Amino acid sequence: MKRKAYERLNQRVARIRPTTLVVGIDIAKKRHAAQAVDFRGVVLNHRAHVFANSEKGFECFEAWIRDLQAEHGMDDVVVGLNHHPSPPLAPVGCAHGRSRSIREDRETHHTPTSLEP
């Protein structure tokens, strides 16, 4: 039996808690821009974090996420990507050693990572 779309969306939203850092990424070919908010949608960084589409760029992005988590006392991360044709993104580490992203097309996928918190 197929679940209704609103039920799947409600399940994803229910996973976001007060200790969840929500990061949205505008993906592009060479450089990406990320914005972080708390569970209520309050912006946590004053301007977008821009990083290169390279291994070093994603290492900087991960460090930026970890800094925000420490600064705001958050223990989980949800990364949302805008979904349009673009180069693939590298997995982004988050709590529990998994990468999680919610895409605009309302699908959720999990990718195991070897990144340590």
N, C-alpha and C. Protein backbone atom coordinates (compact mmCIF):
# COMPACT_ATOMS: atom_id res chain seq x y z
N MET A 1 0.84 -1.16 0.00
CA MET A 1 0.00 0.00 0.00
C MET A 1 0.90 1.25 0.00
N LYS A 2 0.58 2.19 -0.87
CA LYS A 2 1.36 3.42 -0.96
C LYS A 2 0.89 4.41 0.10
N ARG A 3 1.87 5.05 0.73
CA ARG A 3 1.52 6.10 1.68
C ARG A 3 1.23 7.38 0.92
N LYS A 4 0.38 8.17 1.47
CA LYS A 4 0.08 9.45 0.85
C LYS A 4 1.28 10.38 1.00
N ALA A 5 1.45 11.28 0.04
CA ALA A 5 2.60 12.19 0.02
C ALA A 5 2.70 13.00 1.30
N TYR A 6 1.59 13.49 1.83
CA TYR A 6 1.65 14.31 3.03
C TYR A 6 2.11 13.50 4.24
N GLU A 7 1.81 12.20 4.28
CA GLU A 7 2.27 11.36 5.38
C GLU A 7 3.78 11.20 5.35
N ARG A 8 4.35 11.01 4.16
CA ARG A 8 5.81 10.90 4.03
C ARG A 8 6.48 12.21 4.42
N LEU A 9 5.92 13.33 3.98
CA LEU A 9 6.47 14.64 4.32
C LEU A 9 6.40 14.87 5.83
N ASN A 10 5.28 14.52 6.45
CA ASN A 10 5.15 14.69 7.89
C ASN A 10 6.17 13.85 8.66
N GLN A 11 6.48 12.66 8.18
CA GLN A 11 7.50 11.83 8.83
C GLN A 11 8.86 12.50 8.77
N ARG A 12 9.21 13.08 7.63
CA ARG A 12 10.50 13.75 7.51
C ARG A 12 10.57 14.99 8.41
N VAL A 13 9.50 15.75 8.46
CA VAL A 13 9.48 16.94 9.30
C VAL A 13 9.56 16.55 10.77
N ALA A 14 8.93 15.46 11.17
CA ALA A 14 8.94 15.02 12.56
C ALA A 14 10.35 14.66 13.05
N ARG A 15 11.25 14.31 12.15
CA ARG A 15 12.63 13.98 12.54
C ARG A 15 13.41 15.21 12.96
N ILE A 16 12.96 16.41 12.59
CA ILE A 16 13.68 17.63 12.93
C ILE A 16 13.30 18.04 14.35
N ARG A 17 14.31 18.06 15.21
CA ARG A 17 14.12 18.36 16.64
C ARG A 17 14.82 19.68 16.98
N PRO A 18 14.65 20.17 18.20
CA PRO A 18 15.34 21.41 18.61
C PRO A 18 16.87 21.33 18.51
N THR A 19 17.42 20.11 18.54
CA THR A 19 18.87 19.95 18.45
C THR A 19 19.33 19.58 17.04
N THR A 20 18.48 19.82 16.05
CA THR A 20 18.82 19.51 14.66
C THR A 20 19.22 20.78 13.92
N LEU A 21 20.39 20.73 13.31
CA LEU A 21 20.86 21.81 12.44
C LEU A 21 20.35 21.50 11.04
N VAL A 22 19.64 22.44 10.45
CA VAL A 22 19.09 22.25 9.11
C VAL A 22 19.91 23.13 8.15
N VAL A 23 20.52 22.48 7.14
CA VAL A 23 21.38 23.18 6.19
C VAL A 23 20.81 23.00 4.79
N GLY A 24 20.62 24.11 4.09
CA GLY A 24 20.19 24.07 2.70
C GLY A 24 21.35 24.45 1.80
N ILE A 25 21.50 23.71 0.72
CA ILE A 25 22.60 23.98 -0.22
C ILE A 25 22.03 24.30 -1.60
N ASP A 26 22.48 25.41 -2.15
CA ASP A 26 22.21 25.75 -3.54
C ASP A 26 23.41 25.21 -4.32
N ILE A 27 23.19 24.12 -5.06
CA ILE A 27 24.30 23.48 -5.73
C ILE A 27 24.53 24.08 -7.12
N ALA A 28 25.79 24.13 -7.50
CA ALA A 28 26.19 24.67 -8.80
C ALA A 28 27.34 23.84 -9.34
N LYS A 29 27.86 24.22 -10.47
CA LYS A 29 28.90 23.43 -11.11
C LYS A 29 30.24 23.55 -10.39
N LYS A 30 30.66 24.76 -10.02
CA LYS A 30 31.98 24.97 -9.43
C LYS A 30 31.94 25.34 -7.96
N ARG A 31 30.93 26.11 -7.55
CA ARG A 31 30.83 26.58 -6.16
C ARG A 31 29.41 26.41 -5.67
N HIS A 32 29.28 26.03 -4.40
CA HIS A 32 27.98 25.84 -3.78
C HIS A 32 27.80 26.87 -2.66
N ALA A 33 26.57 27.19 -2.33
CA ALA A 33 26.28 28.12 -1.24
C ALA A 33 25.35 27.42 -0.24
N ALA A 34 25.69 27.50 1.05
CA ALA A 34 24.92 26.84 2.10
C ALA A 34 24.41 27.86 3.11
N GLN A 35 23.23 27.61 3.64
CA GLN A 35 22.63 28.44 4.67
C GLN A 35 22.15 27.52 5.78
N ALA A 36 22.34 27.90 7.04
CA ALA A 36 21.95 27.06 8.17
C ALA A 36 20.84 27.74 8.98
N VAL A 37 19.88 26.91 9.41
CA VAL A 37 18.79 27.39 10.25
C VAL A 37 18.55 26.39 11.38
N ASP A 38 17.85 26.84 12.42
CA ASP A 38 17.48 25.91 13.48
C ASP A 38 16.12 25.28 13.14
N PHE A 39 15.56 24.52 14.07
CA PHE A 39 14.32 23.79 13.79
C PHE A 39 13.13 24.70 13.53
N ARG A 40 13.21 25.97 13.96
CA ARG A 40 12.12 26.92 13.72
C ARG A 40 12.32 27.72 12.44
N GLY A 41 13.49 27.59 11.81
CA GLY A 41 13.78 28.34 10.60
C GLY A 41 14.55 29.62 10.85
N VAL A 42 15.04 29.80 12.08
CA VAL A 42 15.83 30.98 12.42
C VAL A 42 17.23 30.82 11.82
N VAL A 43 17.66 31.80 11.03
CA VAL A 43 18.96 31.74 10.35
C VAL A 43 20.08 31.83 11.38
N LEU A 44 21.05 30.90 11.28
CA LEU A 44 22.14 30.83 12.25
C LEU A 44 23.44 31.44 11.74
N ASN A 45 23.56 31.65 10.45
CA ASN A 45 24.75 32.30 9.90
C ASN A 45 24.32 33.55 9.16
N HIS A 46 25.12 34.61 9.28
CA HIS A 46 24.71 35.91 8.73
C HIS A 46 24.73 35.95 7.21
N ARG A 47 25.62 35.19 6.60
CA ARG A 47 25.65 35.14 5.13
C ARG A 47 25.94 33.72 4.69
N ALA A 48 25.63 33.43 3.47
CA ALA A 48 25.80 32.07 2.95
C ALA A 48 27.26 31.63 3.02
N HIS A 49 27.45 30.36 3.33
CA HIS A 49 28.79 29.76 3.33
C HIS A 49 29.02 29.22 1.92
N VAL A 50 29.99 29.78 1.21
CA VAL A 50 30.29 29.37 -0.17
C VAL A 50 31.49 28.44 -0.13
N PHE A 51 31.38 27.31 -0.84
CA PHE A 51 32.48 26.35 -0.87
C PHE A 51 32.60 25.72 -2.25
N ALA A 52 33.83 25.30 -2.58
CA ALA A 52 34.13 24.75 -3.90
C ALA A 52 33.60 23.33 -4.04
N ASN A 53 33.32 22.94 -5.27
CA ASN A 53 32.90 21.58 -5.58
C ASN A 53 34.15 20.72 -5.73
N SER A 54 34.83 20.51 -4.62
CA SER A 54 36.06 19.71 -4.58
C SER A 54 36.14 19.05 -3.22
N GLU A 55 37.08 18.13 -3.08
CA GLU A 55 37.24 17.46 -1.79
C GLU A 55 37.58 18.47 -0.69
N LYS A 56 38.48 19.39 -0.98
CA LYS A 56 38.85 20.42 0.00
C LYS A 56 37.65 21.30 0.35
N GLY A 57 36.86 21.65 -0.66
CA GLY A 57 35.67 22.45 -0.42
C GLY A 57 34.69 21.76 0.52
N PHE A 58 34.49 20.45 0.33
CA PHE A 58 33.58 19.71 1.19
C PHE A 58 34.16 19.51 2.59
N GLU A 59 35.47 19.44 2.70
CA GLU A 59 36.09 19.37 4.02
C GLU A 59 35.84 20.68 4.78
N CYS A 60 35.95 21.80 4.08
CA CYS A 60 35.65 23.10 4.69
C CYS A 60 34.17 23.19 5.08
N PHE A 61 33.30 22.67 4.23
CA PHE A 61 31.87 22.66 4.50
C PHE A 61 31.57 21.83 5.75
N GLU A 62 32.19 20.66 5.85
CA GLU A 62 31.99 19.81 7.03
C GLU A 62 32.47 20.52 8.30
N ALA A 63 33.63 21.17 8.22
CA ALA A 63 34.16 21.90 9.39
C ALA A 63 33.20 23.03 9.78
N TRP A 64 32.64 23.71 8.79
CA TRP A 64 31.68 24.79 9.05
C TRP A 64 30.45 24.24 9.79
N ILE A 65 29.95 23.07 9.35
CA ILE A 65 28.80 22.44 10.00
C ILE A 65 29.15 22.09 11.45
N ARG A 66 30.30 21.48 11.65
CA ARG A 66 30.71 21.07 13.01
C ARG A 66 30.86 22.30 13.93
N ASP A 67 31.39 23.40 13.38
CA ASP A 67 31.51 24.64 14.16
C ASP A 67 30.14 25.16 14.58
N LEU A 68 29.18 25.16 13.63
CA LEU A 68 27.83 25.61 13.96
C LEU A 68 27.17 24.70 14.98
N GLN A 69 27.38 23.39 14.85
CA GLN A 69 26.82 22.45 15.83
C GLN A 69 27.35 22.75 17.23
N ALA A 70 28.65 22.94 17.34
CA ALA A 70 29.26 23.23 18.64
C ALA A 70 28.78 24.56 19.20
N GLU A 71 28.71 25.56 18.34
CA GLU A 71 28.31 26.90 18.77
C GLU A 71 26.87 26.94 19.27
N HIS A 72 25.99 26.15 18.64
CA HIS A 72 24.56 26.20 18.97
C HIS A 72 24.07 24.96 19.72
N GLY A 73 24.98 24.05 20.10
CA GLY A 73 24.60 22.87 20.88
C GLY A 73 23.70 21.90 20.15
N MET A 74 23.99 21.64 18.90
CA MET A 74 23.16 20.74 18.09
C MET A 74 23.89 19.43 17.86
N ASP A 75 23.13 18.32 17.86
CA ASP A 75 23.77 17.02 17.73
C ASP A 75 23.35 16.25 16.48
N ASP A 76 22.53 16.83 15.63
CA ASP A 76 22.11 16.16 14.40
C ASP A 76 22.09 17.20 13.28
N VAL A 77 22.22 16.71 12.05
CA VAL A 77 22.23 17.60 10.88
C VAL A 77 21.33 17.01 9.80
N VAL A 78 20.53 17.87 9.21
CA VAL A 78 19.78 17.51 8.01
C VAL A 78 20.24 18.46 6.92
N VAL A 79 20.69 17.89 5.80
CA VAL A 79 21.16 18.70 4.68
C VAL A 79 20.17 18.57 3.55
N GLY A 80 19.63 19.70 3.10
CA GLY A 80 18.69 19.72 1.99
C GLY A 80 19.37 20.30 0.76
N LEU A 81 19.13 19.67 -0.38
CA LEU A 81 19.73 20.11 -1.63
C LEU A 81 18.64 20.56 -2.59
N ASN A 82 18.94 21.64 -3.33
CA ASN A 82 18.00 21.95 -4.40
C ASN A 82 18.25 20.91 -5.48
N HIS A 83 17.22 20.53 -6.18
CA HIS A 83 17.34 19.40 -7.11
C HIS A 83 17.12 19.88 -8.54
N HIS A 84 18.22 20.00 -9.26
CA HIS A 84 18.17 20.30 -10.68
C HIS A 84 19.41 19.66 -11.29
N PRO A 85 19.49 19.51 -12.60
CA PRO A 85 20.66 18.87 -13.19
C PRO A 85 21.95 19.57 -12.79
N SER A 86 22.85 18.82 -12.20
CA SER A 86 24.13 19.38 -11.74
C SER A 86 25.08 18.23 -11.45
N PRO A 87 26.35 18.53 -11.21
CA PRO A 87 27.29 17.47 -10.89
C PRO A 87 26.93 16.81 -9.55
N PRO A 88 27.28 15.54 -9.36
CA PRO A 88 26.97 14.89 -8.09
C PRO A 88 27.73 15.50 -6.94
N LEU A 89 27.13 15.48 -5.77
CA LEU A 89 27.76 16.00 -4.57
C LEU A 89 28.39 14.86 -3.78
N ALA A 90 29.49 15.14 -3.12
CA ALA A 90 30.12 14.17 -2.24
C ALA A 90 29.26 14.01 -0.99
N PRO A 91 29.31 12.85 -0.32
CA PRO A 91 28.55 12.69 0.91
C PRO A 91 29.02 13.67 1.99
N VAL A 92 28.09 14.18 2.74
CA VAL A 92 28.39 15.11 3.83
C VAL A 92 28.15 14.38 5.14
N GLY A 93 29.13 14.35 6.01
CA GLY A 93 29.00 13.62 7.28
C GLY A 93 28.10 14.34 8.25
N CYS A 94 27.39 13.57 9.06
CA CYS A 94 26.57 14.15 10.10
C CYS A 94 26.52 13.17 11.26
N ALA A 95 25.73 13.49 12.24
CA ALA A 95 25.65 12.65 13.43
C ALA A 95 25.33 11.20 13.05
N HIS A 96 25.82 10.28 13.81
CA HIS A 96 25.61 8.85 13.63
C HIS A 96 26.33 8.30 12.41
N GLY A 97 27.33 9.03 11.88
CA GLY A 97 28.13 8.51 10.77
C GLY A 97 27.38 8.32 9.48
N ARG A 98 26.31 9.06 9.29
CA ARG A 98 25.53 8.92 8.05
C ARG A 98 25.32 10.29 7.43
N SER A 99 25.15 10.29 6.15
CA SER A 99 24.85 11.51 5.42
C SER A 99 23.38 11.47 5.08
N ARG A 100 22.68 12.54 5.35
CA ARG A 100 21.25 12.56 5.09
C ARG A 100 20.91 13.83 4.33
N SER A 101 20.16 13.71 3.29
CA SER A 101 19.72 14.90 2.58
C SER A 101 18.27 14.73 2.16
N ILE A 102 17.54 15.81 2.20
CA ILE A 102 16.16 15.83 1.73
C ILE A 102 16.15 16.73 0.51
N ARG A 103 15.79 16.16 -0.62
CA ARG A 103 15.83 16.92 -1.86
C ARG A 103 14.47 17.54 -2.14
N GLU A 104 14.47 18.55 -3.00
CA GLU A 104 13.21 19.24 -3.32
C GLU A 104 12.16 18.34 -3.92
N ASP A 105 12.59 17.24 -4.56
CA ASP A 105 11.59 16.36 -5.16
C ASP A 105 10.94 15.45 -4.11
N ARG A 106 11.20 15.74 -2.83
CA ARG A 106 10.58 15.09 -1.68
C ARG A 106 11.06 13.66 -1.45
N GLU A 107 12.16 13.25 -2.06
CA GLU A 107 12.74 11.95 -1.76
C GLU A 107 13.80 12.12 -0.70
N THR A 108 13.99 11.11 0.11
CA THR A 108 15.05 11.14 1.11
C THR A 108 15.98 9.97 0.83
N HIS A 109 17.27 10.22 0.94
CA HIS A 109 18.21 9.12 0.77
C HIS A 109 19.30 9.21 1.82
N HIS A 110 19.86 8.06 2.16
CA HIS A 110 20.90 7.97 3.17
C HIS A 110 22.14 7.35 2.52
N THR A 111 23.30 7.89 2.83
CA THR A 111 24.54 7.38 2.30
C THR A 111 25.51 7.15 3.46
N PRO A 112 25.97 5.91 3.68
CA PRO A 112 26.93 5.70 4.76
C PRO A 112 28.22 6.46 4.47
N THR A 113 28.83 6.99 5.53
CA THR A 113 30.09 7.70 5.37
C THR A 113 31.07 7.19 6.41
N SER A 114 32.33 7.49 6.22
CA SER A 114 33.35 7.08 7.17
C SER A 114 33.84 8.27 7.98
N LEU A 115 33.13 9.38 7.94
CA LEU A 115 33.54 10.57 8.66
C LEU A 115 33.23 10.44 10.13
N GLU A 116 34.17 10.80 10.96
CA GLU A 116 34.00 10.74 12.40
C GLU A 116 33.53 12.10 12.91
N PRO A 117 32.62 12.14 13.91
CA PRO A 117 32.19 13.45 14.45
C PRO A 117 33.28 14.12 15.25
